[in-house]
Amino acid sequence: MTARHYRTSKWLLVPLLMCIVSQVGCLELDDEGDHLGAILNRAAVEMIANHDQQRTLIYRPRRGAFQRYSVQIGKHYPCRSQPCDAPFGEYQGGVLVTVERGRTGTGYFSNYISIPRPITFDAYNADAKILLVNKGWYVEVADIRR
């Protein structure tokens, strides 16, 4: 390897390292939909393991409840195996959280979550109270309210 080739390679590494550092520094690991989906999935596993009958989760966006936000949850079927397909060609639902500040996004549910009907919740300066009911081998999201 010549000295000139070494200098060129060395100078190409500096911008590459700067790009990597700037991306890692600004990176948020997930959005609000991912965050809420993870909370619901974790709560379902805990409820089933502990045989809890009901639980009320308090959700607020990570940048606070002092903003307008909405939660939309699609119908989701529980299932015992992977892949978890909805019956009769329907689609499995997810959760969409739209926020004024922060990162709007979607999240997904595990096999242990049931959403019997689509749910929509809009709020300003209020927490969402999510009612979970243990149905044995899965947990149902029964309601969202203030």
N, C-alpha and C. Protein backbone atom coordinates (compact mmCIF):
# COMPACT_ATOMS: atom_id res chain seq x y z
N MET A 1 0.85 -1.17 0.00
CA MET A 1 0.00 0.00 0.00
C MET A 1 0.90 1.23 0.00
N THR A 2 0.62 2.15 -0.87
CA THR A 2 1.43 3.36 -0.95
C THR A 2 0.99 4.37 0.09
N ALA A 3 1.84 5.34 0.34
CA ALA A 3 1.53 6.38 1.32
C ALA A 3 0.35 7.22 0.84
N ARG A 4 0.29 7.46 -0.47
CA ARG A 4 -0.80 8.26 -1.02
C ARG A 4 -2.14 7.55 -0.84
N HIS A 5 -2.19 6.26 -1.08
CA HIS A 5 -3.41 5.47 -0.90
C HIS A 5 -3.84 5.49 0.56
N TYR A 6 -2.89 5.40 1.48
CA TYR A 6 -3.20 5.42 2.90
C TYR A 6 -3.85 6.75 3.29
N ARG A 7 -3.31 7.88 2.79
CA ARG A 7 -3.89 9.19 3.11
C ARG A 7 -5.31 9.29 2.60
N THR A 8 -5.58 8.81 1.43
CA THR A 8 -6.92 8.88 0.87
C THR A 8 -7.90 8.05 1.71
N SER A 9 -7.51 6.85 2.09
CA SER A 9 -8.36 6.00 2.90
C SER A 9 -8.61 6.63 4.27
N LYS A 10 -7.57 7.21 4.86
CA LYS A 10 -7.71 7.83 6.17
C LYS A 10 -8.70 8.99 6.11
N TRP A 11 -8.66 9.80 5.09
CA TRP A 11 -9.56 10.95 4.99
C TRP A 11 -10.98 10.54 4.64
N LEU A 12 -11.17 9.41 4.08
CA LEU A 12 -12.52 8.91 3.83
C LEU A 12 -13.18 8.41 5.11
N LEU A 13 -12.37 7.96 6.06
CA LEU A 13 -12.92 7.48 7.32
C LEU A 13 -13.48 8.61 8.19
N VAL A 14 -12.90 9.79 8.13
CA VAL A 14 -13.35 10.90 8.98
C VAL A 14 -14.80 11.27 8.69
N PRO A 15 -15.20 11.53 7.42
CA PRO A 15 -16.61 11.84 7.19
C PRO A 15 -17.54 10.68 7.53
N LEU A 16 -17.09 9.46 7.29
CA LEU A 16 -17.91 8.30 7.62
C LEU A 16 -18.15 8.22 9.13
N LEU A 17 -17.12 8.41 9.93
CA LEU A 17 -17.27 8.39 11.38
C LEU A 17 -18.15 9.54 11.86
N MET A 18 -18.03 10.71 11.24
CA MET A 18 -18.87 11.85 11.63
C MET A 18 -20.33 11.56 11.35
N CYS A 19 -20.63 10.91 10.22
CA CYS A 19 -22.02 10.54 9.90
C CYS A 19 -22.57 9.55 10.91
N ILE A 20 -21.77 8.57 11.27
CA ILE A 20 -22.23 7.56 12.23
C ILE A 20 -22.50 8.19 13.59
N VAL A 21 -21.59 9.03 14.05
CA VAL A 21 -21.76 9.68 15.36
C VAL A 21 -22.99 10.57 15.36
N SER A 22 -23.21 11.34 14.29
CA SER A 22 -24.38 12.23 14.26
C SER A 22 -25.68 11.44 14.21
N GLN A 23 -25.71 10.33 13.51
CA GLN A 23 -26.92 9.51 13.45
C GLN A 23 -27.22 8.87 14.79
N VAL A 24 -26.22 8.36 15.47
CA VAL A 24 -26.42 7.73 16.77
C VAL A 24 -26.85 8.76 17.80
N GLY A 25 -26.28 9.95 17.75
CA GLY A 25 -26.63 10.99 18.70
C GLY A 25 -28.06 11.47 18.56
N CYS A 26 -28.61 11.47 17.37
CA CYS A 26 -29.97 11.96 17.14
C CYS A 26 -31.01 10.84 17.12
N LEU A 27 -30.58 9.62 17.26
CA LEU A 27 -31.47 8.48 17.11
C LEU A 27 -32.40 8.31 18.30
N GLU A 28 -33.69 8.25 18.04
CA GLU A 28 -34.64 7.82 19.06
C GLU A 28 -34.95 6.37 18.72
N LEU A 29 -34.90 5.53 19.71
CA LEU A 29 -34.98 4.11 19.44
C LEU A 29 -36.33 3.67 18.90
N ASP A 30 -37.41 4.36 19.30
CA ASP A 30 -38.71 3.98 18.80
C ASP A 30 -39.65 5.16 18.86
N ASP A 31 -40.80 5.00 18.24
CA ASP A 31 -41.80 6.06 18.23
C ASP A 31 -42.87 5.74 19.26
N GLU A 32 -43.88 6.60 19.37
CA GLU A 32 -44.92 6.42 20.38
C GLU A 32 -45.75 5.16 20.16
N GLY A 33 -45.99 4.78 18.90
CA GLY A 33 -46.72 3.54 18.63
C GLY A 33 -45.95 2.31 19.10
N ASP A 34 -44.64 2.28 18.80
CA ASP A 34 -43.79 1.20 19.30
C ASP A 34 -43.81 1.15 20.83
N HIS A 35 -43.74 2.34 21.43
CA HIS A 35 -43.70 2.44 22.89
C HIS A 35 -44.99 1.88 23.51
N LEU A 36 -46.15 2.30 23.01
CA LEU A 36 -47.42 1.82 23.56
C LEU A 36 -47.62 0.34 23.27
N GLY A 37 -47.26 -0.12 22.08
CA GLY A 37 -47.36 -1.54 21.76
C GLY A 37 -46.51 -2.39 22.70
N ALA A 38 -45.29 -1.92 23.00
CA ALA A 38 -44.41 -2.65 23.91
C ALA A 38 -44.98 -2.68 25.33
N ILE A 39 -45.57 -1.56 25.77
CA ILE A 39 -46.18 -1.52 27.10
C ILE A 39 -47.32 -2.54 27.19
N LEU A 40 -48.18 -2.58 26.18
CA LEU A 40 -49.31 -3.51 26.18
C LEU A 40 -48.85 -4.96 26.12
N ASN A 41 -47.87 -5.25 25.28
CA ASN A 41 -47.35 -6.61 25.17
C ASN A 41 -46.73 -7.07 26.50
N ARG A 42 -45.94 -6.21 27.11
CA ARG A 42 -45.30 -6.56 28.39
C ARG A 42 -46.35 -6.78 29.49
N ALA A 43 -47.37 -5.91 29.54
CA ALA A 43 -48.43 -6.05 30.54
C ALA A 43 -49.20 -7.35 30.34
N ALA A 44 -49.45 -7.74 29.09
CA ALA A 44 -50.18 -8.99 28.82
C ALA A 44 -49.40 -10.20 29.33
N VAL A 45 -48.11 -10.24 29.05
CA VAL A 45 -47.29 -11.36 29.51
C VAL A 45 -47.26 -11.41 31.04
N GLU A 46 -47.11 -10.25 31.69
CA GLU A 46 -47.11 -10.21 33.15
C GLU A 46 -48.44 -10.66 33.74
N MET A 47 -49.55 -10.20 33.16
CA MET A 47 -50.87 -10.58 33.67
C MET A 47 -51.10 -12.08 33.56
N ILE A 48 -50.72 -12.67 32.45
CA ILE A 48 -50.90 -14.11 32.27
C ILE A 48 -50.03 -14.88 33.25
N ALA A 49 -48.78 -14.45 33.41
CA ALA A 49 -47.86 -15.14 34.32
C ALA A 49 -48.31 -15.02 35.78
N ASN A 50 -48.85 -13.86 36.16
CA ASN A 50 -49.26 -13.63 37.56
C ASN A 50 -50.72 -13.96 37.82
N HIS A 51 -51.45 -14.38 36.81
CA HIS A 51 -52.88 -14.70 36.91
C HIS A 51 -53.70 -13.50 37.39
N ASP A 52 -53.27 -12.29 37.01
CA ASP A 52 -54.04 -11.07 37.33
C ASP A 52 -55.31 -11.06 36.49
N GLN A 53 -56.42 -10.70 37.10
CA GLN A 53 -57.70 -10.67 36.38
C GLN A 53 -57.89 -9.39 35.58
N GLN A 54 -57.54 -8.26 36.16
CA GLN A 54 -57.68 -6.97 35.48
C GLN A 54 -56.50 -6.09 35.82
N ARG A 55 -56.23 -5.15 34.92
CA ARG A 55 -55.20 -4.15 35.16
C ARG A 55 -55.58 -2.91 34.38
N THR A 56 -55.32 -1.76 34.98
CA THR A 56 -55.51 -0.49 34.28
C THR A 56 -54.14 0.13 34.08
N LEU A 57 -53.77 0.31 32.81
CA LEU A 57 -52.51 0.96 32.47
C LEU A 57 -52.77 2.44 32.27
N ILE A 58 -51.86 3.26 32.74
CA ILE A 58 -51.92 4.69 32.50
C ILE A 58 -50.90 5.00 31.41
N TYR A 59 -51.38 5.54 30.29
CA TYR A 59 -50.47 5.89 29.19
C TYR A 59 -50.48 7.39 28.98
N ARG A 60 -49.29 7.93 28.79
CA ARG A 60 -49.14 9.30 28.33
C ARG A 60 -47.95 9.31 27.38
N PRO A 61 -47.98 10.15 26.37
CA PRO A 61 -46.81 10.22 25.49
C PRO A 61 -45.56 10.58 26.28
N ARG A 62 -44.42 10.13 25.82
CA ARG A 62 -43.18 10.35 26.56
C ARG A 62 -42.82 11.82 26.69
N ARG A 63 -43.31 12.66 25.81
CA ARG A 63 -43.08 14.10 25.96
C ARG A 63 -44.18 14.75 26.79
N GLY A 64 -45.01 13.94 27.45
CA GLY A 64 -46.00 14.45 28.37
C GLY A 64 -47.41 14.45 27.83
N ALA A 65 -48.36 14.47 28.74
CA ALA A 65 -49.78 14.49 28.36
C ALA A 65 -50.25 15.90 28.03
N PHE A 66 -49.39 16.90 28.23
CA PHE A 66 -49.76 18.29 27.96
C PHE A 66 -49.64 18.61 26.48
N GLN A 67 -50.27 17.82 25.68
CA GLN A 67 -50.31 17.99 24.23
C GLN A 67 -51.51 17.25 23.69
N ARG A 68 -51.85 17.53 22.44
CA ARG A 68 -52.91 16.78 21.77
C ARG A 68 -52.29 15.48 21.25
N TYR A 69 -53.01 14.40 21.48
CA TYR A 69 -52.57 13.12 20.93
C TYR A 69 -53.78 12.23 20.72
N SER A 70 -53.62 11.26 19.85
CA SER A 70 -54.69 10.30 19.61
C SER A 70 -54.10 8.91 19.53
N VAL A 71 -54.92 7.94 19.95
CA VAL A 71 -54.55 6.53 19.91
C VAL A 71 -55.62 5.82 19.10
N GLN A 72 -55.20 5.10 18.07
CA GLN A 72 -56.12 4.30 17.27
C GLN A 72 -55.62 2.86 17.29
N ILE A 73 -56.49 1.96 17.73
CA ILE A 73 -56.12 0.55 17.83
C ILE A 73 -57.05 -0.26 16.93
N GLY A 74 -56.46 -1.05 16.05
CA GLY A 74 -57.24 -1.89 15.15
C GLY A 74 -57.58 -3.23 15.77
N LYS A 75 -58.60 -3.86 15.25
CA LYS A 75 -59.05 -5.17 15.74
C LYS A 75 -57.91 -6.18 15.61
N HIS A 76 -57.69 -6.95 16.67
CA HIS A 76 -56.58 -7.91 16.68
C HIS A 76 -57.04 -9.22 17.30
N TYR A 77 -56.66 -10.32 16.68
CA TYR A 77 -57.06 -11.65 17.14
C TYR A 77 -55.91 -12.33 17.86
N PRO A 78 -56.18 -12.94 19.03
CA PRO A 78 -55.13 -13.71 19.69
C PRO A 78 -54.96 -15.06 18.98
N CYS A 79 -53.79 -15.63 19.06
CA CYS A 79 -53.60 -16.97 18.48
C CYS A 79 -52.45 -17.66 19.20
N ARG A 80 -52.48 -18.98 19.18
CA ARG A 80 -51.51 -19.78 19.92
C ARG A 80 -50.25 -20.10 19.12
N SER A 81 -50.24 -19.84 17.83
CA SER A 81 -49.08 -20.24 17.02
C SER A 81 -48.58 -19.08 16.16
N GLN A 82 -47.40 -19.26 15.60
CA GLN A 82 -46.83 -18.30 14.66
C GLN A 82 -46.91 -18.89 13.27
N PRO A 83 -47.13 -18.16 12.20
CA PRO A 83 -47.54 -16.76 12.22
C PRO A 83 -48.98 -16.63 12.72
N CYS A 84 -49.28 -15.48 13.25
CA CYS A 84 -50.59 -15.23 13.84
C CYS A 84 -51.49 -14.58 12.78
N ASP A 85 -52.22 -15.37 12.07
CA ASP A 85 -53.08 -14.86 11.00
C ASP A 85 -54.49 -14.64 11.50
N ALA A 86 -55.09 -13.56 11.03
CA ALA A 86 -56.49 -13.29 11.36
C ALA A 86 -57.38 -14.23 10.57
N PRO A 87 -58.54 -14.58 11.09
CA PRO A 87 -59.43 -15.49 10.38
C PRO A 87 -60.10 -14.82 9.18
N PHE A 88 -60.50 -15.63 8.24
CA PHE A 88 -61.33 -15.21 7.10
C PHE A 88 -60.70 -14.09 6.28
N GLY A 89 -59.38 -14.05 6.20
CA GLY A 89 -58.71 -13.06 5.36
C GLY A 89 -58.72 -11.64 5.92
N GLU A 90 -59.15 -11.46 7.17
CA GLU A 90 -59.09 -10.13 7.78
C GLU A 90 -57.64 -9.83 8.16
N TYR A 91 -57.39 -8.58 8.50
CA TYR A 91 -56.04 -8.17 8.87
C TYR A 91 -55.91 -8.05 10.37
N GLN A 92 -54.72 -8.33 10.88
CA GLN A 92 -54.43 -8.10 12.28
C GLN A 92 -54.20 -6.60 12.47
N GLY A 93 -54.75 -6.07 13.54
CA GLY A 93 -54.60 -4.64 13.82
C GLY A 93 -53.34 -4.33 14.59
N GLY A 94 -53.02 -3.06 14.59
CA GLY A 94 -51.89 -2.54 15.35
C GLY A 94 -52.35 -1.29 16.08
N VAL A 95 -51.41 -0.55 16.59
CA VAL A 95 -51.73 0.69 17.29
C VAL A 95 -51.01 1.84 16.58
N LEU A 96 -51.75 2.93 16.37
CA LEU A 96 -51.20 4.15 15.79
C LEU A 96 -51.36 5.24 16.83
N VAL A 97 -50.25 5.88 17.21
CA VAL A 97 -50.29 6.99 18.15
C VAL A 97 -49.80 8.23 17.40
N THR A 98 -50.64 9.25 17.37
CA THR A 98 -50.32 10.52 16.72
C THR A 98 -50.13 11.56 17.82
N VAL A 99 -48.99 12.26 17.82
CA VAL A 99 -48.67 13.23 18.85
C VAL A 99 -48.28 14.57 18.24
N GLU A 100 -48.48 15.65 19.01
CA GLU A 100 -48.02 16.97 18.58
C GLU A 100 -46.50 17.06 18.65
N ARG A 101 -45.93 16.61 19.76
CA ARG A 101 -44.48 16.65 19.98
C ARG A 101 -44.00 15.22 20.18
N GLY A 102 -42.89 14.91 19.61
CA GLY A 102 -42.38 13.55 19.70
C GLY A 102 -42.49 12.87 18.35
N ARG A 103 -42.48 11.56 18.35
CA ARG A 103 -42.51 10.80 17.11
C ARG A 103 -43.80 10.01 17.00
N THR A 104 -44.63 10.37 16.02
CA THR A 104 -45.83 9.63 15.69
C THR A 104 -45.41 8.30 15.07
N GLY A 105 -46.17 7.25 15.34
CA GLY A 105 -45.83 5.98 14.71
C GLY A 105 -46.75 4.85 15.09
N THR A 106 -46.43 3.68 14.56
CA THR A 106 -47.25 2.49 14.76
C THR A 106 -46.51 1.45 15.58
N GLY A 107 -47.29 0.63 16.28
CA GLY A 107 -46.75 -0.48 17.03
C GLY A 107 -47.59 -1.72 16.77
N TYR A 108 -47.08 -2.86 17.18
CA TYR A 108 -47.74 -4.11 16.88
C TYR A 108 -47.94 -4.92 18.15
N PHE A 109 -48.85 -5.89 18.08
CA PHE A 109 -49.21 -6.69 19.24
C PHE A 109 -48.68 -8.11 19.12
N SER A 110 -48.46 -8.73 20.27
CA SER A 110 -48.05 -10.13 20.32
C SER A 110 -49.28 -11.02 20.16
N ASN A 111 -49.05 -12.31 20.15
CA ASN A 111 -50.14 -13.29 20.03
C ASN A 111 -51.05 -13.29 21.24
N TYR A 112 -50.60 -12.72 22.36
CA TYR A 112 -51.35 -12.77 23.61
C TYR A 112 -52.29 -11.59 23.81
N ILE A 113 -52.48 -10.77 22.78
CA ILE A 113 -53.34 -9.58 22.87
C ILE A 113 -54.57 -9.79 22.00
N SER A 114 -55.72 -9.41 22.56
CA SER A 114 -56.98 -9.43 21.80
C SER A 114 -57.59 -8.02 21.84
N ILE A 115 -57.98 -7.54 20.67
CA ILE A 115 -58.72 -6.28 20.56
C ILE A 115 -60.02 -6.65 19.85
N PRO A 116 -61.14 -6.78 20.57
CA PRO A 116 -62.36 -7.27 19.95
C PRO A 116 -63.01 -6.29 18.97
N ARG A 117 -62.71 -5.01 19.11
CA ARG A 117 -63.29 -4.00 18.21
C ARG A 117 -62.27 -2.86 18.08
N PRO A 118 -62.31 -2.12 16.99
CA PRO A 118 -61.40 -0.97 16.87
C PRO A 118 -61.70 0.07 17.96
N ILE A 119 -60.65 0.68 18.49
CA ILE A 119 -60.78 1.66 19.56
C ILE A 119 -60.06 2.94 19.14
N THR A 120 -60.70 4.09 19.37
CA THR A 120 -60.10 5.39 19.10
C THR A 120 -60.19 6.24 20.36
N PHE A 121 -59.10 6.94 20.66
CA PHE A 121 -59.05 7.79 21.85
C PHE A 121 -58.32 9.07 21.47
N ASP A 122 -58.94 10.22 21.71
CA ASP A 122 -58.32 11.52 21.48
C ASP A 122 -58.23 12.24 22.81
N ALA A 123 -57.12 12.93 23.05
CA ALA A 123 -56.97 13.61 24.33
C ALA A 123 -56.14 14.87 24.17
N TYR A 124 -56.37 15.76 25.09
CA TYR A 124 -55.52 16.93 25.27
C TYR A 124 -55.35 17.12 26.77
N ASN A 125 -54.13 17.12 27.23
CA ASN A 125 -53.82 17.33 28.63
C ASN A 125 -54.50 16.29 29.52
N ALA A 126 -54.47 15.04 29.10
CA ALA A 126 -55.09 13.96 29.87
C ALA A 126 -54.35 12.65 29.60
N ASP A 127 -54.29 11.80 30.63
CA ASP A 127 -53.72 10.47 30.46
C ASP A 127 -54.78 9.54 29.89
N ALA A 128 -54.34 8.50 29.21
CA ALA A 128 -55.24 7.46 28.74
C ALA A 128 -55.20 6.31 29.74
N LYS A 129 -56.36 5.86 30.18
CA LYS A 129 -56.46 4.71 31.07
C LYS A 129 -56.92 3.53 30.23
N ILE A 130 -56.07 2.53 30.13
CA ILE A 130 -56.33 1.37 29.28
C ILE A 130 -56.68 0.19 30.18
N LEU A 131 -57.90 -0.31 30.02
CA LEU A 131 -58.38 -1.42 30.83
C LEU A 131 -58.05 -2.74 30.14
N LEU A 132 -57.31 -3.61 30.84
CA LEU A 132 -56.93 -4.93 30.34
C LEU A 132 -57.63 -5.99 31.18
N VAL A 133 -58.14 -7.03 30.50
CA VAL A 133 -58.84 -8.13 31.17
C VAL A 133 -58.18 -9.44 30.76
N ASN A 134 -57.81 -10.25 31.75
CA ASN A 134 -57.19 -11.55 31.50
C ASN A 134 -58.27 -12.55 31.11
N LYS A 135 -58.09 -13.20 29.96
CA LYS A 135 -59.05 -14.20 29.47
C LYS A 135 -58.48 -15.61 29.52
N GLY A 136 -57.46 -15.82 30.33
CA GLY A 136 -56.87 -17.15 30.44
C GLY A 136 -55.51 -17.20 29.78
N TRP A 137 -55.46 -17.52 28.50
CA TRP A 137 -54.19 -17.60 27.80
C TRP A 137 -53.89 -16.34 27.00
N TYR A 138 -54.81 -15.37 26.98
CA TYR A 138 -54.56 -14.08 26.32
C TYR A 138 -55.21 -12.97 27.14
N VAL A 139 -54.85 -11.73 26.80
CA VAL A 139 -55.37 -10.55 27.49
C VAL A 139 -56.11 -9.68 26.48
N GLU A 140 -57.29 -9.21 26.89
CA GLU A 140 -58.12 -8.38 26.03
C GLU A 140 -58.01 -6.91 26.44
N VAL A 141 -57.84 -6.04 25.45
CA VAL A 141 -57.91 -4.59 25.69
C VAL A 141 -59.38 -4.25 25.63
N ALA A 142 -59.97 -4.01 26.81
CA ALA A 142 -61.42 -3.83 26.91
C ALA A 142 -61.86 -2.41 26.60
N ASP A 143 -61.05 -1.40 27.03
CA ASP A 143 -61.50 -0.02 26.85
C ASP A 143 -60.33 0.94 27.07
N ILE A 144 -60.47 2.14 26.51
CA ILE A 144 -59.56 3.25 26.78
C ILE A 144 -60.44 4.44 27.14
N ARG A 145 -60.09 5.09 28.22
CA ARG A 145 -60.85 6.27 28.65
C ARG A 145 -59.94 7.22 29.40
N ARG A 146 -60.51 8.38 29.78
CA ARG A 146 -59.74 9.36 30.56
C ARG A 146 -59.87 9.09 32.02
